[in-house]
Amino acid sequence: MHRGFDTIYRRIVDWEWYKDIPVKTLFIHLLLKVNHKDGKWQGIEIKKGQILTGRKNLSFETGLSEQQIRTALKKLESTKDVKVEATKGYSMITLCNHSLYHDNNPDSNQQSTNDTTKEQPRSNQGATTNNKFKHVKNEKKKKELTSESYQIADYLFSKILKINPEHKKPNMEKWAEHADKMLRIDNRNIQQIYRIIDFAHNDSFWVKNILSTQKLREQFDKLVINERTKGIFNNNQPIGAEMVPFDEQ
C-alpha cells in the first residue's frame, strides 16, 4: 500500500545500526508507520511518533521473524531509539528521536512551488488549485482510516493469495474503509476479525465466498455462528495475527 510519501534525512546512513539489516528494516518501518500527529484509537491516546502494534503484526508487515523483531527492539531500546510499553494484548512503541530522521522543513520545496505557480497562466492556476483541493481531500480521507483497517485488508488479501497467487489486487483503500466500519461502527474486536478471517479460509465453503472485506463484514455474524457451531477455535484465541506483548517469553 502506498499512501502519500514521507521524507527521511540522509543522516540515517551514519546511524550505528544502519548495517544491521533486521534492526534497520524494523526502524525504517516504524518511521513510516508511527503517527505523524496526535490521535486516538478506541479511547487509547496515540501521540505523534507512537504506534500501537504487536510482535506478530510487525513480523507480518516486515517479513522479519518474531525472534528478529524481539532482538531488534531490544537493540533499539538499548540505544534509546525506541521505548516499548507492553500492555495486555498490544504494545505502544515510541520513537524517541522521531524528528531527527524526518525532513519537517518544507521551506525550500514551498518556495519552489510558489515560484512555479507565479509563472503559470491563470487557467493553469485554476486547474492546479482544483487538483490540490482534491489531493488534500483524498489525503484527509485516508488519514481518517486507522492503520489497523489497512492491516486487516492486507491480512485478508494475504490469505486469498495463498489460495490463488494470481488473484487481482483490489482497491486496498476501499477494503480498508469496510474494515474501518467493522471496527468503528460494528464495534468488532480486531483480534476477533483476524480469527474469523482465519476460520473462513480454513472452511471449504467460506474460503470461496469471503473474497473482500465488504463480504467479510456482511457475513460476519453468520461466520461467528458457524465458527462456534463447528467448534474449530474452542479456546477463542486468534490465529496467526494475534497481538502478543513484547515482554512475553
Protein backbone atom coordinates (compact mmCIF):
# COMPACT_ATOMS: atom_id res chain seq x y z
CA MET A 1 0.00 0.00 0.00
CA HIS A 2 1.20 3.44 -0.81
CA ARG A 3 -0.49 6.33 0.97
CA GLY A 4 1.32 9.59 0.27
CA PHE A 5 5.02 9.97 0.89
CA ASP A 6 7.47 10.53 3.71
CA THR A 7 10.96 12.06 3.83
CA ILE A 8 13.91 10.73 5.80
CA TYR A 9 17.16 12.59 6.37
CA ARG A 10 20.24 11.04 4.80
CA ARG A 11 21.92 11.28 8.21
CA ILE A 12 20.43 7.85 8.90
CA VAL A 13 23.34 6.29 6.94
CA ASP A 14 25.60 7.35 9.83
CA TRP A 15 23.34 5.66 12.38
CA GLU A 16 25.04 2.92 14.45
CA TRP A 17 22.51 0.23 13.47
CA TYR A 18 22.50 1.04 9.75
CA LYS A 19 24.42 -2.14 8.76
CA ASP A 20 22.28 -4.37 10.99
CA ILE A 21 19.65 -5.38 8.40
CA PRO A 22 16.85 -6.57 10.75
CA VAL A 23 17.24 -3.55 13.04
CA LYS A 24 17.36 -1.13 10.11
CA THR A 25 14.36 -2.79 8.46
CA LEU A 26 12.27 -2.55 11.61
CA PHE A 27 13.36 1.01 12.43
CA ILE A 28 12.58 2.38 8.95
CA HIS A 29 9.24 0.53 9.04
CA LEU A 30 8.44 2.22 12.35
CA LEU A 31 9.48 5.61 10.97
CA LEU A 32 6.94 5.20 8.19
CA LYS A 33 4.15 3.72 10.33
CA VAL A 34 4.10 5.83 13.51
CA ASN A 35 1.54 8.59 13.97
CA HIS A 36 2.59 11.89 12.44
CA LYS A 37 0.16 13.76 14.68
CA ASP A 38 -1.59 13.06 17.98
CA GLY A 39 -4.65 10.83 17.76
CA LYS A 40 -6.75 8.19 19.49
CA TRP A 41 -7.81 4.61 18.78
CA GLN A 42 -10.64 3.04 20.77
CA GLY A 43 -10.07 5.52 23.60
CA ILE A 44 -6.30 4.97 23.66
CA GLU A 45 -4.21 8.10 23.14
CA ILE A 46 -1.53 7.62 20.48
CA LYS A 47 0.81 10.60 20.25
CA LYS A 48 2.96 11.78 17.38
CA GLY A 49 5.87 9.37 16.95
CA GLN A 50 3.98 6.42 18.51
CA ILE A 51 2.38 3.25 17.15
CA LEU A 52 0.10 0.70 18.79
CA THR A 53 1.01 -2.75 17.49
CA GLY A 54 2.24 -6.23 18.38
CA ARG A 55 5.15 -8.56 17.65
CA LYS A 56 3.19 -10.80 15.28
CA ASN A 57 1.82 -7.76 13.47
CA LEU A 58 5.32 -6.35 12.91
CA SER A 59 6.55 -9.75 11.77
CA PHE A 60 3.74 -9.95 9.21
CA GLU A 61 4.35 -6.41 7.92
CA THR A 62 8.16 -6.54 7.68
CA GLY A 63 8.84 -10.16 6.79
CA LEU A 64 11.12 -10.50 9.83
CA SER A 65 10.69 -13.40 12.24
CA GLU A 66 9.23 -12.74 15.68
CA GLN A 67 12.64 -13.51 17.20
CA GLN A 68 14.25 -10.93 14.90
CA ILE A 69 11.59 -8.40 15.92
CA ARG A 70 12.21 -9.08 19.61
CA THR A 71 16.01 -8.80 19.23
CA ALA A 72 15.82 -5.67 17.08
CA LEU A 73 13.55 -3.94 19.60
CA LYS A 74 15.92 -4.77 22.46
CA LYS A 75 18.82 -3.23 20.50
CA LEU A 76 16.78 -0.13 19.68
CA GLU A 77 15.77 0.19 23.34
CA SER A 78 19.39 -0.18 24.47
CA THR A 79 20.39 2.87 22.41
CA LYS A 80 17.22 4.76 23.38
CA ASP A 81 15.98 4.90 19.80
CA VAL A 82 12.64 3.45 20.88
CA LYS A 83 10.64 2.96 24.04
CA VAL A 84 8.35 -0.08 24.32
CA GLU A 85 5.45 -0.16 26.78
CA ALA A 86 3.85 -3.60 26.84
CA THR A 87 0.22 -3.92 27.92
CA LYS A 88 -2.39 -6.65 27.69
CA GLY A 89 -2.84 -7.61 24.05
CA TYR A 90 -0.64 -4.97 22.41
CA SER A 91 2.41 -2.74 22.84
CA MET A 92 2.91 1.00 22.49
CA ILE A 93 6.16 1.82 20.68
CA THR A 94 7.53 5.36 20.86
CA LEU A 95 10.30 6.63 18.57
CA CYS A 96 12.43 8.68 20.94
CA ASN A 97 14.18 10.69 18.19
CA HIS A 98 11.41 10.76 15.60
CA SER A 99 12.10 14.31 14.43
CA LEU A 100 15.82 13.70 13.85
CA TYR A 101 15.18 11.45 10.85
CA HIS A 102 12.33 13.34 9.17
CA ASP A 103 12.60 16.41 6.98
CA ASN A 104 9.98 18.62 8.57
CA ASN A 105 11.14 21.85 6.95
CA PRO A 106 9.26 22.31 3.69
CA ASP A 107 10.52 25.89 3.12
CA SER A 108 12.73 25.09 0.15
CA ASN A 109 10.07 22.97 -1.52
CA GLN A 110 7.39 25.55 -0.77
CA GLN A 111 9.45 28.35 -2.30
CA SER A 112 9.98 26.32 -5.45
CA THR A 113 6.26 25.58 -5.68
CA ASN A 114 5.34 29.24 -5.18
CA ASP A 115 7.75 30.41 -7.87
CA THR A 116 6.40 27.88 -10.35
CA THR A 117 2.82 28.85 -9.58
CA LYS A 118 3.52 32.53 -10.22
CA GLU A 119 4.79 31.73 -13.71
CA GLN A 120 1.71 29.71 -14.72
CA PRO A 121 -1.12 31.20 -16.79
CA ARG A 122 -4.35 31.83 -14.90
CA SER A 123 -6.15 28.88 -16.49
CA ASN A 124 -3.39 26.52 -15.32
CA GLN A 125 -3.50 28.01 -11.83
CA GLY A 126 -7.21 27.22 -11.63
CA ALA A 127 -6.64 23.61 -12.63
CA THR A 128 -3.74 23.30 -10.19
CA THR A 129 -5.87 24.66 -7.34
CA ASN A 130 -8.64 22.15 -8.07
CA ASN A 131 -6.16 19.28 -8.22
CA LYS A 132 -4.59 20.34 -4.92
CA PHE A 133 -8.03 20.52 -3.31
CA LYS A 134 -8.87 17.00 -4.48
CA HIS A 135 -5.49 15.74 -3.30
CA VAL A 136 -5.92 17.28 0.17
CA LYS A 137 -9.45 15.89 0.42
CA ASN A 138 -8.29 12.40 -0.55
CA GLU A 139 -5.35 12.51 1.86
CA LYS A 140 -7.63 13.65 4.68
CA LYS A 141 -9.96 10.75 3.96
CA LYS A 142 -7.05 8.28 4.02
CA LYS A 143 -5.71 9.65 7.31
CA GLU A 144 -9.12 9.12 8.91
CA LEU A 145 -8.72 5.39 8.34
CA THR A 146 -6.69 3.72 11.07
CA SER A 147 -3.58 1.67 10.36
CA GLU A 148 -5.48 -1.32 11.80
CA SER A 149 -8.03 -1.02 8.98
CA TYR A 150 -5.30 -1.35 6.36
CA GLN A 151 -3.71 -4.21 8.31
CA ILE A 152 -7.00 -6.13 8.24
CA ALA A 153 -7.31 -5.53 4.49
CA ASP A 154 -3.71 -6.69 3.96
CA TYR A 155 -4.23 -9.77 6.11
CA LEU A 156 -7.34 -10.91 4.22
CA PHE A 157 -5.63 -10.33 0.87
CA SER A 158 -2.59 -12.35 2.00
CA LYS A 159 -4.93 -15.24 2.84
CA ILE A 160 -6.52 -15.05 -0.61
CA LEU A 161 -3.11 -15.02 -2.29
CA LYS A 162 -2.18 -18.27 -0.54
CA ILE A 163 -5.14 -19.92 -2.30
CA ASN A 164 -4.79 -18.03 -5.59
CA PRO A 165 -1.42 -16.26 -6.13
CA GLU A 166 -2.78 -14.70 -9.34
CA HIS A 167 -5.74 -13.03 -7.63
CA LYS A 168 -6.08 -9.44 -8.85
CA LYS A 169 -5.04 -6.87 -6.26
CA PRO A 170 -8.13 -4.99 -5.05
CA ASN A 171 -8.56 -1.34 -4.15
CA MET A 172 -6.98 -1.55 -0.69
CA GLU A 173 -8.38 1.82 0.35
CA LYS A 174 -11.94 0.56 -0.29
CA TRP A 175 -11.13 -2.62 1.60
CA ALA A 176 -9.76 -0.56 4.49
CA GLU A 177 -12.98 1.50 4.55
CA HIS A 178 -15.07 -1.64 5.12
CA ALA A 179 -12.59 -2.85 7.75
CA ASP A 180 -12.84 0.55 9.44
CA LYS A 181 -16.63 0.23 9.58
CA MET A 182 -16.27 -3.16 11.26
CA LEU A 183 -14.05 -1.62 13.92
CA ARG A 184 -15.75 1.73 14.35
CA ILE A 185 -19.43 1.11 13.61
CA ASP A 186 -19.89 -2.60 14.27
CA ASN A 187 -17.58 -2.49 17.32
CA ARG A 188 -15.75 -5.63 16.25
CA ASN A 189 -12.59 -6.54 18.11
CA ILE A 190 -9.53 -6.56 15.84
CA GLN A 191 -8.38 -9.92 17.21
CA GLN A 192 -11.84 -11.37 16.60
CA ILE A 193 -11.71 -10.13 12.99
CA TYR A 194 -8.35 -11.85 12.43
CA ARG A 195 -9.73 -15.03 13.98
CA ILE A 196 -12.80 -15.03 11.75
CA ILE A 197 -10.63 -14.45 8.66
CA ASP A 198 -8.56 -17.49 9.68
CA PHE A 199 -11.73 -19.51 10.19
CA ALA A 200 -13.18 -18.51 6.81
CA HIS A 201 -10.00 -19.52 5.00
CA ASN A 202 -9.91 -22.90 6.73
CA ASP A 203 -13.50 -23.66 5.72
CA SER A 204 -14.24 -25.20 2.30
CA PHE A 205 -17.42 -23.14 1.87
CA TRP A 206 -16.41 -19.74 3.24
CA VAL A 207 -12.99 -19.69 1.59
CA LYS A 208 -14.75 -19.32 -1.78
CA ASN A 209 -17.14 -16.64 -0.56
CA ILE A 210 -15.10 -14.29 1.64
CA LEU A 211 -13.04 -12.56 -1.03
CA SER A 212 -13.33 -8.97 0.18
CA THR A 213 -13.68 -7.03 3.42
CA GLN A 214 -17.16 -5.99 2.29
CA LYS A 215 -18.24 -9.65 2.14
CA LEU A 216 -16.48 -10.28 5.43
CA ARG A 217 -18.49 -7.52 7.07
CA GLU A 218 -21.79 -8.61 5.51
CA GLN A 219 -21.37 -12.24 6.59
CA PHE A 220 -19.59 -11.63 9.90
CA ASP A 221 -22.40 -12.72 12.22
CA LYS A 222 -23.01 -15.88 10.17
CA LEU A 223 -19.29 -16.62 10.28
CA VAL A 224 -19.22 -16.22 14.07
CA ILE A 225 -22.16 -18.61 14.49
CA ASN A 226 -20.65 -21.07 12.03
CA GLU A 227 -17.29 -20.91 13.79
CA ARG A 228 -18.83 -21.60 17.19
CA THR A 229 -21.03 -24.37 15.82
CA LYS A 230 -18.10 -26.20 14.30
CA GLY A 231 -16.01 -25.59 17.41
CA ILE A 232 -12.80 -25.13 15.46
CA PHE A 233 -11.48 -22.45 17.80
CA ASN A 234 -12.62 -23.72 21.19
CA ASN A 235 -10.01 -21.71 23.07
CA ASN A 236 -11.32 -18.49 21.49
CA GLN A 237 -7.81 -17.30 20.68
CA PRO A 238 -6.83 -15.60 17.38
CA ILE A 239 -4.54 -17.45 14.99
CA GLY A 240 -1.60 -16.01 13.09
CA ALA A 241 -2.39 -12.34 13.56
CA GLU A 242 -2.82 -12.18 17.34
CA MET A 243 -1.07 -9.32 19.10
CA VAL A 244 1.29 -10.57 21.82
CA PRO A 245 3.04 -8.13 24.19
CA PHE A 246 6.75 -7.89 23.54
CA ASP A 247 7.68 -8.78 27.09
CA GLU A 248 6.12 -12.25 26.83
CA GLN A 249 8.67 -15.03 26.61
